[in-house]
Amino acid sequence: MDMIDAVKMRLMKLCNERNISINKLATLSAVAPSSIKNIFYGKSVNPKLQTIKMLCDGLDITLAEFFDCEEFNELEQTIK
């Protein structure tokens, strides 16, 4: 799993846990539904931290809570 997959998987997990659709997340976070869909479907190769922060705000979690999960804790080191 790479960083982009980790972001996608984390967002999907959070939305599933809260039973939130892409459109509902877009409304809650003030992020365009197309931007969220691009992350979910792998078209966004490098989502901005500002976008992730806005999504976290919509989900009522901190950036620390977003990144403190299995998906990110198991990422391999990029530079060895």
PDB file of N, CA and C in Angstrom:
ATOM      1  N   MET A   1       0.850  -1.176   0.000  1.00  0.00           N
ATOM      2  CA  MET A   1       0.000   0.000   0.000  1.00  0.00           C
ATOM      3  C   MET A   1       0.894   1.237   0.000  1.00  0.00           C
ATOM      4  N   ASP A   2       0.553   2.208  -0.843  1.00  0.00           N
ATOM      5  CA  ASP A   2       1.299   3.456  -0.850  1.00  0.00           C
ATOM      6  C   ASP A   2       0.497   4.548  -0.136  1.00  0.00           C
ATOM      7  N   MET A   3       1.053   5.743  -0.069  1.00  0.00           N
ATOM      8  CA  MET A   3       0.448   6.848   0.665  1.00  0.00           C
ATOM      9  C   MET A   3      -0.940   7.202   0.118  1.00  0.00           C
ATOM     10  N   ILE A   4      -1.089   7.227  -1.196  1.00  0.00           N
ATOM     11  CA  ILE A   4      -2.375   7.582  -1.800  1.00  0.00           C
ATOM     12  C   ILE A   4      -3.436   6.534  -1.451  1.00  0.00           C
ATOM     13  N   ASP A   5      -3.053   5.265  -1.516  1.00  0.00           N
ATOM     14  CA  ASP A   5      -3.982   4.197  -1.132  1.00  0.00           C
ATOM     15  C   ASP A   5      -4.359   4.311   0.341  1.00  0.00           C
ATOM     16  N   ALA A   6      -3.402   4.683   1.171  1.00  0.00           N
ATOM     17  CA  ALA A   6      -3.668   4.823   2.601  1.00  0.00           C
ATOM     18  C   ALA A   6      -4.681   5.938   2.858  1.00  0.00           C
ATOM     19  N   VAL A   7      -4.537   7.058   2.165  1.00  0.00           N
ATOM     20  CA  VAL A   7      -5.498   8.163   2.311  1.00  0.00           C
ATOM     21  C   VAL A   7      -6.885   7.686   1.886  1.00  0.00           C
ATOM     22  N   LYS A   8      -6.955   7.048   0.733  1.00  0.00           N
ATOM     23  CA  LYS A   8      -8.232   6.558   0.205  1.00  0.00           C
ATOM     24  C   LYS A   8      -8.874   5.559   1.180  1.00  0.00           C
ATOM     25  N   MET A   9      -8.096   4.591   1.641  1.00  0.00           N
ATOM     26  CA  MET A   9      -8.630   3.571   2.536  1.00  0.00           C
ATOM     27  C   MET A   9      -9.101   4.185   3.859  1.00  0.00           C
ATOM     28  N   ARG A  10      -8.341   5.139   4.366  1.00  0.00           N
ATOM     29  CA  ARG A  10      -8.714   5.778   5.631  1.00  0.00           C
ATOM     30  C   ARG A  10     -10.022   6.552   5.479  1.00  0.00           C
ATOM     31  N   LEU A  11     -10.146   7.316   4.399  1.00  0.00           N
ATOM     32  CA  LEU A  11     -11.383   8.065   4.169  1.00  0.00           C
ATOM     33  C   LEU A  11     -12.575   7.134   4.004  1.00  0.00           C
ATOM     34  N   MET A  12     -12.387   6.066   3.250  1.00  0.00           N
ATOM     35  CA  MET A  12     -13.477   5.110   3.046  1.00  0.00           C
ATOM     36  C   MET A  12     -13.908   4.487   4.375  1.00  0.00           C
ATOM     37  N   LYS A  13     -12.928   4.122   5.189  1.00  0.00           N
ATOM     38  CA  LYS A  13     -13.229   3.513   6.482  1.00  0.00           C
ATOM     39  C   LYS A  13     -14.008   4.487   7.369  1.00  0.00           C
ATOM     40  N   LEU A  14     -13.563   5.742   7.411  1.00  0.00           N
ATOM     41  CA  LEU A  14     -14.233   6.739   8.241  1.00  0.00           C
ATOM     42  C   LEU A  14     -15.660   6.998   7.758  1.00  0.00           C
ATOM     43  N   CYS A  15     -15.839   7.083   6.453  1.00  0.00           N
ATOM     44  CA  CYS A  15     -17.183   7.297   5.903  1.00  0.00           C
ATOM     45  C   CYS A  15     -18.084   6.099   6.191  1.00  0.00           C
ATOM     46  N   ASN A  16     -17.556   4.901   6.037  1.00  0.00           N
ATOM     47  CA  ASN A  16     -18.343   3.696   6.322  1.00  0.00           C
ATOM     48  C   ASN A  16     -18.744   3.623   7.795  1.00  0.00           C
ATOM     49  N   GLU A  17     -17.804   3.942   8.679  1.00  0.00           N
ATOM     50  CA  GLU A  17     -18.080   3.914  10.118  1.00  0.00           C
ATOM     51  C   GLU A  17     -19.199   4.881  10.490  1.00  0.00           C
ATOM     52  N   ARG A  18     -19.239   6.022   9.787  1.00  0.00           N
ATOM     53  CA  ARG A  18     -20.212   7.070  10.093  1.00  0.00           C
ATOM     54  C   ARG A  18     -21.432   7.033   9.170  1.00  0.00           C
ATOM     55  N   ASN A  19     -21.423   6.070   8.242  1.00  0.00           N
ATOM     56  CA  ASN A  19     -22.503   5.953   7.265  1.00  0.00           C
ATOM     57  C   ASN A  19     -22.697   7.271   6.499  1.00  0.00           C
ATOM     58  N   ILE A  20     -21.579   7.820   6.008  1.00  0.00           N
ATOM     59  CA  ILE A  20     -21.574   9.099   5.292  1.00  0.00           C
ATOM     60  C   ILE A  20     -21.268   8.838   3.823  1.00  0.00           C
ATOM     61  N   SER A  21     -22.076   9.387   2.942  1.00  0.00           N
ATOM     62  CA  SER A  21     -21.837   9.277   1.500  1.00  0.00           C
ATOM     63  C   SER A  21     -20.822  10.330   1.060  1.00  0.00           C
ATOM     64  N   ILE A  22     -20.353  10.200  -0.163  1.00  0.00           N
ATOM     65  CA  ILE A  22     -19.434  11.194  -0.721  1.00  0.00           C
ATOM     66  C   ILE A  22     -20.091  12.573  -0.714  1.00  0.00           C
ATOM     67  N   ASN A  23     -21.348  12.643  -1.112  1.00  0.00           N
ATOM     68  CA  ASN A  23     -22.037  13.937  -1.150  1.00  0.00           C
ATOM     69  C   ASN A  23     -22.209  14.532   0.241  1.00  0.00           C
ATOM     70  N   LYS A  24     -22.499  13.696   1.225  1.00  0.00           N
ATOM     71  CA  LYS A  24     -22.632  14.181   2.597  1.00  0.00           C
ATOM     72  C   LYS A  24     -21.286  14.682   3.115  1.00  0.00           C
ATOM     73  N   LEU A  25     -20.220  13.943   2.839  1.00  0.00           N
ATOM     74  CA  LEU A  25     -18.883  14.380   3.246  1.00  0.00           C
ATOM     75  C   LEU A  25     -18.528  15.701   2.572  1.00  0.00           C
ATOM     76  N   ALA A  26     -18.891  15.846   1.309  1.00  0.00           N
ATOM     77  CA  ALA A  26     -18.629  17.089   0.588  1.00  0.00           C
ATOM     78  C   ALA A  26     -19.331  18.258   1.269  1.00  0.00           C
ATOM     79  N   THR A  27     -20.575  18.048   1.662  1.00  0.00           N
ATOM     80  CA  THR A  27     -21.337  19.098   2.344  1.00  0.00           C
ATOM     81  C   THR A  27     -20.719  19.439   3.695  1.00  0.00           C
ATOM     82  N   LEU A  28     -20.366  18.416   4.452  1.00  0.00           N
ATOM     83  CA  LEU A  28     -19.797  18.631   5.786  1.00  0.00           C
ATOM     84  C   LEU A  28     -18.440  19.312   5.751  1.00  0.00           C
ATOM     85  N   SER A  29     -17.660  19.040   4.705  1.00  0.00           N
ATOM     86  CA  SER A  29     -16.274  19.504   4.671  1.00  0.00           C
ATOM     87  C   SER A  29     -16.026  20.670   3.719  1.00  0.00           C
ATOM     88  N   ALA A  30     -17.022  21.054   2.935  1.00  0.00           N
ATOM     89  CA  ALA A  30     -16.872  22.131   1.937  1.00  0.00           C
ATOM     90  C   ALA A  30     -15.811  21.779   0.894  1.00  0.00           C
ATOM     91  N   VAL A  31     -15.708  20.499   0.587  1.00  0.00           N
ATOM     92  CA  VAL A  31     -14.827  20.013  -0.472  1.00  0.00           C
ATOM     93  C   VAL A  31     -15.731  19.519  -1.598  1.00  0.00           C
ATOM     94  N   ALA A  32     -15.387  19.861  -2.825  1.00  0.00           N
ATOM     95  CA  ALA A  32     -16.211  19.464  -3.969  1.00  0.00           C
ATOM     96  C   ALA A  32     -16.343  17.941  -4.041  1.00  0.00           C
ATOM     97  N   PRO A  33     -17.549  17.448  -4.334  1.00  0.00           N
ATOM     98  CA  PRO A  33     -17.723  15.996  -4.470  1.00  0.00           C
ATOM     99  C   PRO A  33     -16.763  15.399  -5.493  1.00  0.00           C
ATOM    100  N   SER A  34     -16.475  16.133  -6.553  1.00  0.00           N
ATOM    101  CA  SER A  34     -15.550  15.615  -7.569  1.00  0.00           C
ATOM    102  C   SER A  34     -14.150  15.413  -7.000  1.00  0.00           C
ATOM    103  N   SER A  35     -13.730  16.281  -6.090  1.00  0.00           N
ATOM    104  CA  SER A  35     -12.414  16.122  -5.462  1.00  0.00           C
ATOM    105  C   SER A  35     -12.370  14.871  -4.598  1.00  0.00           C
ATOM    106  N   ILE A  36     -13.448  14.626  -3.865  1.00  0.00           N
ATOM    107  CA  ILE A  36     -13.514  13.433  -3.018  1.00  0.00           C
ATOM    108  C   ILE A  36     -13.555  12.181  -3.888  1.00  0.00           C
ATOM    109  N   LYS A  37     -14.355  12.212  -4.949  1.00  0.00           N
ATOM    110  CA  LYS A  37     -14.423  11.068  -5.866  1.00  0.00           C
ATOM    111  C   LYS A  37     -13.060  10.791  -6.495  1.00  0.00           C
ATOM    112  N   ASN A  38     -12.326  11.848  -6.832  1.00  0.00           N
ATOM    113  CA  ASN A  38     -10.993  11.663  -7.407  1.00  0.00           C
ATOM    114  C   ASN A  38     -10.061  10.955  -6.432  1.00  0.00           C
ATOM    115  N   ILE A  39     -10.188  11.243  -5.150  1.00  0.00           N
ATOM    116  CA  ILE A  39      -9.385  10.547  -4.141  1.00  0.00           C
ATOM    117  C   ILE A  39      -9.841   9.089  -4.046  1.00  0.00           C
ATOM    118  N   PHE A  40     -11.149   8.870  -3.947  1.00  0.00           N
ATOM    119  CA  PHE A  40     -11.697   7.523  -3.793  1.00  0.00           C
ATOM    120  C   PHE A  40     -11.385   6.618  -4.983  1.00  0.00           C
ATOM    121  N   TYR A  41     -11.404   7.180  -6.184  1.00  0.00           N
ATOM    122  CA  TYR A  41     -11.210   6.371  -7.389  1.00  0.00           C
ATOM    123  C   TYR A  41      -9.787   6.407  -7.927  1.00  0.00           C
ATOM    124  N   GLY A  42      -8.867   6.978  -7.142  1.00  0.00           N
ATOM    125  CA  GLY A  42      -7.457   6.946  -7.505  1.00  0.00           C
ATOM    126  C   GLY A  42      -7.032   7.912  -8.584  1.00  0.00           C
ATOM    127  N   LYS A  43      -7.879   8.881  -8.916  1.00  0.00           N
ATOM    128  CA  LYS A  43      -7.513   9.862  -9.941  1.00  0.00           C
ATOM    129  C   LYS A  43      -6.682  11.012  -9.367  1.00  0.00           C
ATOM    130  N   SER A  44      -6.776  11.204  -8.067  1.00  0.00           N
ATOM    131  CA  SER A  44      -5.983  12.229  -7.399  1.00  0.00           C
ATOM    132  C   SER A  44      -4.692  11.578  -6.921  1.00  0.00           C
ATOM    133  N   VAL A  45      -3.583  11.941  -7.541  1.00  0.00           N
ATOM    134  CA  VAL A  45      -2.318  11.279  -7.214  1.00  0.00           C
ATOM    135  C   VAL A  45      -1.601  11.937  -6.039  1.00  0.00           C
ATOM    136  N   ASN A  46      -2.052  13.112  -5.628  1.00  0.00           N
ATOM    137  CA  ASN A  46      -1.391  13.798  -4.528  1.00  0.00           C
ATOM    138  C   ASN A  46      -2.355  14.796  -3.882  1.00  0.00           C
ATOM    139  N   PRO A  47      -3.322  14.305  -3.090  1.00  0.00           N
ATOM    140  CA  PRO A  47      -4.259  15.237  -2.455  1.00  0.00           C
ATOM    141  C   PRO A  47      -3.521  16.185  -1.516  1.00  0.00           C
ATOM    142  N   LYS A  48      -3.895  17.440  -1.558  1.00  0.00           N
ATOM    143  CA  LYS A  48      -3.239  18.448  -0.721  1.00  0.00           C
ATOM    144  C   LYS A  48      -3.589  18.246   0.748  1.00  0.00           C
ATOM    145  N   LEU A  49      -2.660  18.601   1.600  1.00  0.00           N
ATOM    146  CA  LEU A  49      -2.884  18.499   3.034  1.00  0.00           C
ATOM    147  C   LEU A  49      -4.063  19.382   3.440  1.00  0.00           C
ATOM    148  N   GLN A  50      -4.230  20.519   2.789  1.00  0.00           N
ATOM    149  CA  GLN A  50      -5.363  21.407   3.083  1.00  0.00           C
ATOM    150  C   GLN A  50      -6.692  20.686   2.810  1.00  0.00           C
ATOM    151  N   THR A  51      -6.740  19.919   1.742  1.00  0.00           N
ATOM    152  CA  THR A  51      -7.953  19.156   1.428  1.00  0.00           C
ATOM    153  C   THR A  51      -8.203  18.101   2.500  1.00  0.00           C
ATOM    154  N   ILE A  52      -7.161  17.404   2.896  1.00  0.00           N
ATOM    155  CA  ILE A  52      -7.307  16.390   3.944  1.00  0.00           C
ATOM    156  C   ILE A  52      -7.751  17.047   5.245  1.00  0.00           C
ATOM    157  N   LYS A  53      -7.216  18.216   5.557  1.00  0.00           N
ATOM    158  CA  LYS A  53      -7.613  18.953   6.772  1.00  0.00           C
ATOM    159  C   LYS A  53      -9.093  19.312   6.716  1.00  0.00           C
ATOM    160  N   MET A  54      -9.558  19.774   5.564  1.00  0.00           N
ATOM    161  CA  MET A  54     -10.973  20.119   5.420  1.00  0.00           C
ATOM    162  C   MET A  54     -11.861  18.888   5.578  1.00  0.00           C
ATOM    163  N   LEU A  55     -11.416  17.766   5.028  1.00  0.00           N
ATOM    164  CA  LEU A  55     -12.163  16.518   5.186  1.00  0.00           C
ATOM    165  C   LEU A  55     -12.199  16.099   6.656  1.00  0.00           C
ATOM    166  N   CYS A  56     -11.083  16.254   7.338  1.00  0.00           N
ATOM    167  CA  CYS A  56     -11.037  15.946   8.773  1.00  0.00           C
ATOM    168  C   CYS A  56     -11.994  16.846   9.549  1.00  0.00           C
ATOM    169  N   ASP A  57     -12.020  18.125   9.203  1.00  0.00           N
ATOM    170  CA  ASP A  57     -12.951  19.047   9.862  1.00  0.00           C
ATOM    171  C   ASP A  57     -14.387  18.581   9.662  1.00  0.00           C
ATOM    172  N   GLY A  58     -14.712  18.153   8.447  1.00  0.00           N
ATOM    173  CA  GLY A  58     -16.054  17.659   8.162  1.00  0.00           C
ATOM    174  C   GLY A  58     -16.381  16.391   8.922  1.00  0.00           C
ATOM    175  N   LEU A  59     -15.378  15.574   9.149  1.00  0.00           N
ATOM    176  CA  LEU A  59     -15.557  14.331   9.901  1.00  0.00           C
ATOM    177  C   LEU A  59     -15.424  14.544  11.407  1.00  0.00           C
ATOM    178  N   ASP A  60     -15.102  15.769  11.805  1.00  0.00           N
ATOM    179  CA  ASP A  60     -14.930  16.146  13.215  1.00  0.00           C
ATOM    180  C   ASP A  60     -13.818  15.354  13.888  1.00  0.00           C
ATOM    181  N   ILE A  61     -12.689  15.244  13.172  1.00  0.00           N
ATOM    182  CA  ILE A  61     -11.494  14.616  13.736  1.00  0.00           C
ATOM    183  C   ILE A  61     -10.293  15.514  13.452  1.00  0.00           C
ATOM    184  N   THR A  62      -9.215  15.287  14.182  1.00  0.00           N
ATOM    185  CA  THR A  62      -7.989  16.042  13.957  1.00  0.00           C
ATOM    186  C   THR A  62      -7.138  15.349  12.896  1.00  0.00           C
ATOM    187  N   LEU A  63      -6.175  16.077  12.372  1.00  0.00           N
ATOM    188  CA  LEU A  63      -5.221  15.455  11.449  1.00  0.00           C
ATOM    189  C   LEU A  63      -4.487  14.310  12.140  1.00  0.00           C
ATOM    190  N   ALA A  64      -4.156  14.497  13.410  1.00  0.00           N
ATOM    191  CA  ALA A  64      -3.462  13.443  14.164  1.00  0.00           C
ATOM    192  C   ALA A  64      -4.316  12.181  14.212  1.00  0.00           C
ATOM    193  N   GLU A  65      -5.614  12.335  14.446  1.00  0.00           N
ATOM    194  CA  GLU A  65      -6.506  11.177  14.478  1.00  0.00           C
ATOM    195  C   GLU A  65      -6.607  10.524  13.098  1.00  0.00           C
ATOM    196  N   PHE A  66      -6.608  11.341  12.056  1.00  0.00           N
ATOM    197  CA  PHE A  66      -6.686  10.804  10.700  1.00  0.00           C
ATOM    198  C   PHE A  66      -5.481   9.926  10.398  1.00  0.00           C
ATOM    199  N   PHE A  67      -4.292  10.417  10.735  1.00  0.00           N
ATOM    200  CA  PHE A  67      -3.075   9.704  10.380  1.00  0.00           C
ATOM    201  C   PHE A  67      -2.672   8.614  11.382  1.00  0.00           C
ATOM    202  N   ASP A  68      -3.279   8.606  12.557  1.00  0.00           N
ATOM    203  CA  ASP A  68      -2.941   7.602  13.567  1.00  0.00           C
ATOM    204  C   ASP A  68      -3.828   6.377  13.374  1.00  0.00           C
ATOM    205  N   CYS A  69      -3.450   5.563  12.399  1.00  0.00           N
ATOM    206  CA  CYS A  69      -4.237   4.371  12.083  1.00  0.00           C
ATOM    207  C   CYS A  69      -3.334   3.335  11.422  1.00  0.00           C
ATOM    208  N   GLU A  70      -3.869   2.153  11.296  1.00  0.00           N
ATOM    209  CA  GLU A  70      -3.123   1.031  10.720  1.00  0.00           C
ATOM    210  C   GLU A  70      -2.607   1.339   9.317  1.00  0.00           C
ATOM    211  N   GLU A  71      -3.454   1.984   8.508  1.00  0.00           N
ATOM    212  CA  GLU A  71      -3.066   2.268   7.119  1.00  0.00           C
ATOM    213  C   GLU A  71      -1.767   3.063   7.036  1.00  0.00           C
ATOM    214  N   PHE A  72      -1.596   4.042   7.904  1.00  0.00           N
ATOM    215  CA  PHE A  72      -0.393   4.867   7.866  1.00  0.00           C
ATOM    216  C   PHE A  72       0.742   4.285   8.696  1.00  0.00           C
ATOM    217  N   ASN A  73       0.403   3.622   9.792  1.00  0.00           N
ATOM    218  CA  ASN A  73       1.439   3.036  10.639  1.00  0.00           C
ATOM    219  C   ASN A  73       2.189   1.906   9.951  1.00  0.00           C
ATOM    220  N   GLU A  74       1.573   1.283   8.947  1.00  0.00           N
ATOM    221  CA  GLU A  74       2.208   0.159   8.259  1.00  0.00           C
ATOM    222  C   GLU A  74       2.869   0.538   6.933  1.00  0.00           C
ATOM    223  N   LEU A  75       2.869   1.823   6.588  1.00  0.00           N
ATOM    224  CA  LEU A  75       3.534   2.242   5.359  1.00  0.00           C
ATOM    225  C   LEU A  75       5.031   2.003   5.466  1.00  0.00           C
ATOM    226  N   GLU A  76       5.609   1.519   4.383  1.00  0.00           N
ATOM    227  CA  GLU A  76       7.051   1.322   4.374  1.00  0.00           C
ATOM    228  C   GLU A  76       7.757   2.654   4.164  1.00  0.00           C
ATOM    229  N   GLN A  77       8.955   2.746   4.662  1.00  0.00           N
ATOM    230  CA  GLN A  77       9.764   3.936   4.493  1.00  0.00           C
ATOM    231  C   GLN A  77      10.065   4.123   3.025  1.00  0.00           C
ATOM    232  N   THR A  78       9.866   5.342   2.521  1.00  0.00           N
ATOM    233  CA  THR A  78      10.085   5.631   1.096  1.00  0.00           C
ATOM    234  C   THR A  78      11.559   5.705   0.768  1.00  0.00           C
ATOM    235  N   ILE A  79      12.319   6.383   1.605  1.00  0.00           N
ATOM    236  CA  ILE A  79      13.753   6.536   1.379  1.00  0.00           C
ATOM    237  C   ILE A  79      14.474   5.602   2.332  1.00  0.00           C
ATOM    238  N   LYS A  80      15.314   4.761   1.777  1.00  0.00           N
ATOM    239  CA  LYS A  80      16.018   3.780   2.615  1.00  0.00           C
ATOM    240  C   LYS A  80      17.503   4.025   2.586  1.00  0.00           C
TER     241      LYS A  80
END
